Protein backbone atom coordinates (compact mmCIF):
# COMPACT_ATOMS: atom_id res chain seq x y z
CA MET A 1 97.71 101.16 25.39
CA ASN A 2 94.53 102.17 23.54
CA ALA A 3 92.63 105.44 23.74
CA PHE A 4 90.00 103.95 26.02
CA THR A 5 92.59 102.92 28.58
CA VAL A 6 94.12 106.39 28.59
CA TRP A 7 90.78 108.10 29.09
CA HIS A 8 89.71 105.57 31.71
CA ARG A 9 92.78 106.37 33.79
CA GLY A 10 91.85 110.06 33.78
CA LEU A 11 94.63 111.30 31.49
CA THR A 12 93.87 113.45 28.47
CA MET A 13 96.08 113.45 25.39
CA ALA A 14 97.09 117.04 26.19
CA ALA A 15 98.28 115.93 29.62
CA LEU A 16 100.26 113.06 28.11
CA LEU A 17 101.94 115.39 25.65
CA ALA A 18 102.76 117.80 28.48
CA ILE A 19 104.32 114.98 30.49
CA ALA A 20 106.36 113.81 27.54
CA ALA A 21 107.61 117.35 26.95
CA GLY A 22 108.55 117.83 30.62
CA SER A 23 105.92 120.53 31.14
CA PRO A 24 105.22 121.71 34.74
CA LEU A 25 101.63 120.68 34.08
CA SER A 26 102.60 117.19 35.17
CA ALA A 27 103.68 118.40 38.61
CA GLY A 28 100.79 120.78 39.16
CA ALA A 29 97.92 118.91 37.53
CA ASP A 30 96.76 117.37 40.81
CA PRO A 31 95.90 120.03 43.44
CA ALA A 32 96.23 117.35 46.12
CA ASN A 33 99.95 117.17 45.40
CA GLY A 34 100.27 120.81 46.31
CA GLU A 35 98.41 120.31 49.59
CA LEU A 36 100.59 117.33 50.51
CA ALA A 37 103.76 119.29 49.71
CA LYS A 38 102.50 122.18 51.86
CA ASP A 39 101.75 119.77 54.68
CA ARG A 40 105.28 118.40 54.53
CA ARG A 41 106.77 121.90 54.59
CA GLU A 42 104.71 122.79 57.64
CA ILE A 43 105.75 119.61 59.46
CA ARG A 44 109.41 120.29 58.73
CA GLN A 45 108.94 123.83 60.05
CA ASP A 46 107.25 122.43 63.17
CA ASN A 47 110.21 120.12 63.78
CA ARG A 48 112.64 123.02 63.40
CA GLU A 49 110.63 125.11 65.88
CA ILE A 50 110.53 122.26 68.41
CA ARG A 51 114.27 121.70 68.18
CA LYS A 52 114.85 125.46 68.60
CA ASP A 53 112.53 125.56 71.62
CA GLN A 54 114.35 122.64 73.25
CA VAL A 55 117.73 124.32 72.79
CA GLU A 56 116.41 127.64 74.11
CA MET A 57 114.76 126.02 77.12
CA ARG A 58 118.02 124.32 78.15
CA ARG A 59 119.85 127.62 77.65
CA ASP A 60 117.26 129.63 79.60
CA ARG A 61 117.33 127.25 82.55
CA ALA A 62 121.14 127.27 82.58
CA ASP A 63 121.08 131.09 82.53
CA VAL A 64 118.75 131.20 85.53
CA ARG A 65 121.00 128.87 87.52
CA ARG A 66 124.09 130.87 86.56
CA LEU A 67 122.57 134.19 87.64
CA GLU A 68 121.42 132.65 90.92
CA ARG A 69 124.97 131.44 91.62
CA LEU A 70 126.47 134.84 90.80
CA MET A 71 123.98 136.63 93.04
CA ALA A 72 124.76 134.22 95.88
CA ARG A 73 128.48 134.94 95.49
CA LEU A 74 127.81 138.67 95.53
CA ASP A 75 125.81 138.34 98.75
CA LYS A 76 128.61 136.29 100.31
CA ALA A 77 131.24 138.86 99.34
CA LYS A 78 129.11 141.68 100.78
CA THR A 79 128.49 139.76 104.01
CA GLU A 80 132.21 139.06 104.43
CA GLY A 81 133.14 142.64 103.56
CA ASP A 82 135.43 141.45 100.78
CA ARG A 83 135.37 144.50 98.50
CA LYS A 84 137.73 142.98 95.94
CA ALA A 85 135.64 139.81 95.57
CA GLU A 86 132.49 141.90 95.55
CA GLU A 87 133.75 144.07 92.70
CA GLY A 88 134.87 141.03 90.71
CA VAL A 89 131.51 139.28 91.04
CA ARG A 90 129.64 142.50 90.25
CA ASN A 91 131.61 142.89 87.02
CA ARG A 92 130.78 139.30 86.06
CA ILE A 93 127.11 139.92 86.78
CA HIS A 94 127.05 143.03 84.62
CA ALA A 95 128.74 141.14 81.76
CA PHE A 96 126.15 138.38 82.16
CA LEU A 97 123.29 140.87 82.04
CA ARG A 98 124.65 142.40 78.84
CA ARG A 99 124.79 138.96 77.21
CA GLU A 100 121.27 138.21 78.36
CA THR A 101 120.03 141.47 76.89
CA ALA A 102 121.74 140.71 73.59
CA GLU A 103 119.97 137.32 73.56
CA ALA A 104 116.69 139.07 74.35
CA ARG A 105 117.20 141.31 71.31
CA ARG A 106 117.71 138.25 69.12
CA ASP A 107 114.63 136.57 70.60
CA PHE A 108 112.57 139.67 69.91
CA GLY A 109 113.76 139.73 66.30
CA ALA A 110 112.94 136.03 65.89
CA ASP A 111 109.45 136.55 67.32
CA ARG A 112 108.85 139.44 64.93
CA ARG A 113 109.90 137.30 61.97
CA GLU A 114 107.66 134.46 63.16
CA ALA A 115 104.70 136.84 63.43
CA GLY A 116 105.39 138.06 59.88
CA ARG A 117 105.50 134.47 58.61
CA SER A 118 102.18 133.69 60.29
CA ALA A 119 100.63 136.80 58.75
CA ARG A 120 101.79 135.71 55.29
CA GLU A 121 100.40 132.22 55.86
CA LEU A 122 97.06 133.68 56.90
CA ALA A 123 96.95 135.78 53.74
CA GLY A 124 97.92 132.90 51.48
CA ASP A 125 96.10 129.91 52.95
CA ARG A 126 92.32 130.01 52.92
CA ARG A 127 91.95 126.39 54.05
CA ASP A 128 92.74 126.61 57.77
CA LEU A 129 91.80 130.15 58.66
CA ARG A 130 90.95 129.36 62.28
CA ASP A 131 94.31 127.71 62.96
CA ASP A 132 96.21 130.42 61.10
CA ARG A 133 94.45 133.19 63.02
CA ARG A 134 95.23 131.43 66.30
CA ASP A 135 98.89 131.08 65.32
CA LEU A 136 99.06 134.75 64.37
CA ARG A 137 97.50 135.83 67.68
CA ARG A 138 100.02 133.70 69.54
CA ASP A 139 102.96 135.11 67.58
CA VAL A 140 101.78 138.70 68.08
CA ARG A 141 101.44 138.01 71.80
CA ASP A 142 104.93 136.46 71.95
CA THR A 143 106.40 139.45 70.14
CA ALA A 144 104.76 141.89 72.57
CA GLU A 145 106.01 139.88 75.55
CA SER A 146 109.55 139.74 74.13
CA ARG A 147 109.48 143.50 73.61
CA ARG A 148 108.27 144.10 77.16
CA ARG A 149 110.96 141.86 78.68
CA LEU A 150 113.68 143.44 76.55
CA ASP A 151 112.62 146.98 77.48
CA ARG A 152 112.61 146.14 81.19
CA GLN A 153 116.00 144.40 81.01
CA LEU A 154 117.52 147.43 79.31
CA GLN A 155 116.05 149.71 81.99
CA ILE A 156 117.44 147.51 84.76
CA ILE A 157 120.93 147.72 83.26
CA ARG A 158 120.65 151.51 83.01
CA ASP A 159 119.50 151.69 86.65
CA LEU A 160 122.37 149.50 87.80
CA ARG A 161 124.86 151.70 86.00
CA SER A 162 123.37 154.80 87.60
CA ILE A 163 124.05 153.49 91.14
CA GLN A 164 127.37 151.81 90.39
CA GLY A 165 129.44 154.57 91.96
CA GLU A 166 127.44 154.62 95.20
CA GLY A 167 127.57 150.84 95.39
CA ARG A 168 131.36 150.83 95.16
CA ARG A 169 131.52 153.32 98.00
CA GLY A 170 129.41 151.01 100.17
CA ASP A 171 126.20 153.08 100.16
CA ASP A 172 123.46 151.05 101.86
CA ASN A 173 120.64 152.47 99.76
CA ALA A 174 122.51 151.67 96.56
CA ALA A 175 123.15 148.12 97.82
CA ARG A 176 119.47 147.58 98.54
CA ARG A 177 118.53 149.03 95.17
CA GLU A 178 121.05 146.78 93.46
CA ASP A 179 119.63 143.71 95.18
CA ALA A 180 116.09 144.62 94.11
CA LEU A 181 117.13 145.20 90.50
CA LEU A 182 119.03 141.91 90.29
CA GLN A 183 116.07 140.06 91.78
CA GLU A 184 113.83 141.60 89.16
CA PHE A 185 116.21 140.61 86.38
CA LEU A 186 116.23 137.06 87.78
CA ARG A 187 112.43 137.05 87.81
CA ILE A 188 112.37 138.08 84.13
CA ALA A 189 114.87 135.32 83.29
CA LYS A 190 112.63 132.74 84.99
CA GLU A 191 109.62 134.16 83.19
CA ASP A 192 111.47 133.83 79.89
CA ALA A 193 112.28 130.17 80.63
CA ARG A 194 108.61 129.47 81.43
CA GLU A 195 107.52 131.17 78.21
CA THR A 196 109.93 128.99 76.21
CA GLY A 197 108.35 125.93 77.86
CA ARG A 198 104.89 127.12 76.82
CA GLU A 199 106.09 127.69 73.27
CA LEU A 200 107.47 124.14 73.17
CA ILE A 201 104.09 122.76 74.26
CA GLU A 202 102.26 124.86 71.66
CA ASP A 203 104.68 123.88 68.86
CA ARG A 204 104.26 120.20 69.70
CA ARG A 205 100.48 120.63 69.57
CA GLU A 206 100.78 122.39 66.22
CA ARG A 207 102.90 119.54 64.87
CA ARG A 208 100.26 117.01 65.96
CA GLU A 209 97.61 119.02 64.13
CA ASP A 210 99.74 119.30 60.99
CA LEU A 211 100.44 115.55 61.05
CA ARG A 212 96.70 114.90 61.38
CA GLU A 213 95.95 117.20 58.43
CA HIS A 214 98.67 115.48 56.41
CA ARG A 215 97.09 112.08 57.08
CA GLU A 216 93.67 113.41 56.11
CA ASP A 217 95.01 114.95 52.90
CA ARG A 218 96.75 111.70 51.97
CA LYS A 219 93.54 109.78 52.63
CA GLU A 220 91.50 112.20 50.50
CA ARG A 221 94.07 111.98 47.70
CA GLN A 222 93.99 108.18 47.78
CA GLU A 223 90.19 108.14 47.78
CA SER A 224 90.19 110.54 44.82
CA LYS A 225 92.62 108.32 42.92
CA ASP A 226 90.65 105.21 43.73
CA GLY A 227 87.47 106.94 42.58
CA GLY A 228 89.10 107.75 39.23
CA TYR A 229 89.51 104.06 38.51
CA ASN A 230 85.84 103.17 39.00
């Protein structure tokens, strides 16, 4: 290979020496490579988020059905005046609510971490500011909603505990209050399932956009390479 061929292909002697020596210059010489690598990382992250959303949506829907069944059993036990069955179902409901609240805590922590990641992406990526700002707004909104649901679930559990004694003694006011609190907890569980569905839709849209950007970056890189040979 003569010097003209080397120059014509867009490689300087310094670059060739760097390649031969294993210098990182060879990996970072083309900025397009960095963009393509970033695109691939974002697409992998999108796929992880979609899989997580799908798992959470199945779990959330199963939780709603389970709570509905438990509440129906509690109503049946109350109607039949079966105090032993009533107490057993009530204990199962309270255990279920504690598990749900623990899951809500984890969801809130995950939403906070996602918002932090979006903030870092906004600070570090100046190419897609509009998309990054939109993602950050969405993550901040999700975090606020998770916090609100968690706070209300914790308050419901505290309220249920406060009337537990009266409920065991068959107090009608406590029974009505218990029913209202359980219905509210069920409403929050359904709301959580709907929110997971919205997140799945948004993550799928984000993956489509990242795939489109990846195709555009690959096309630009190929055009740049082709232009270097003219």
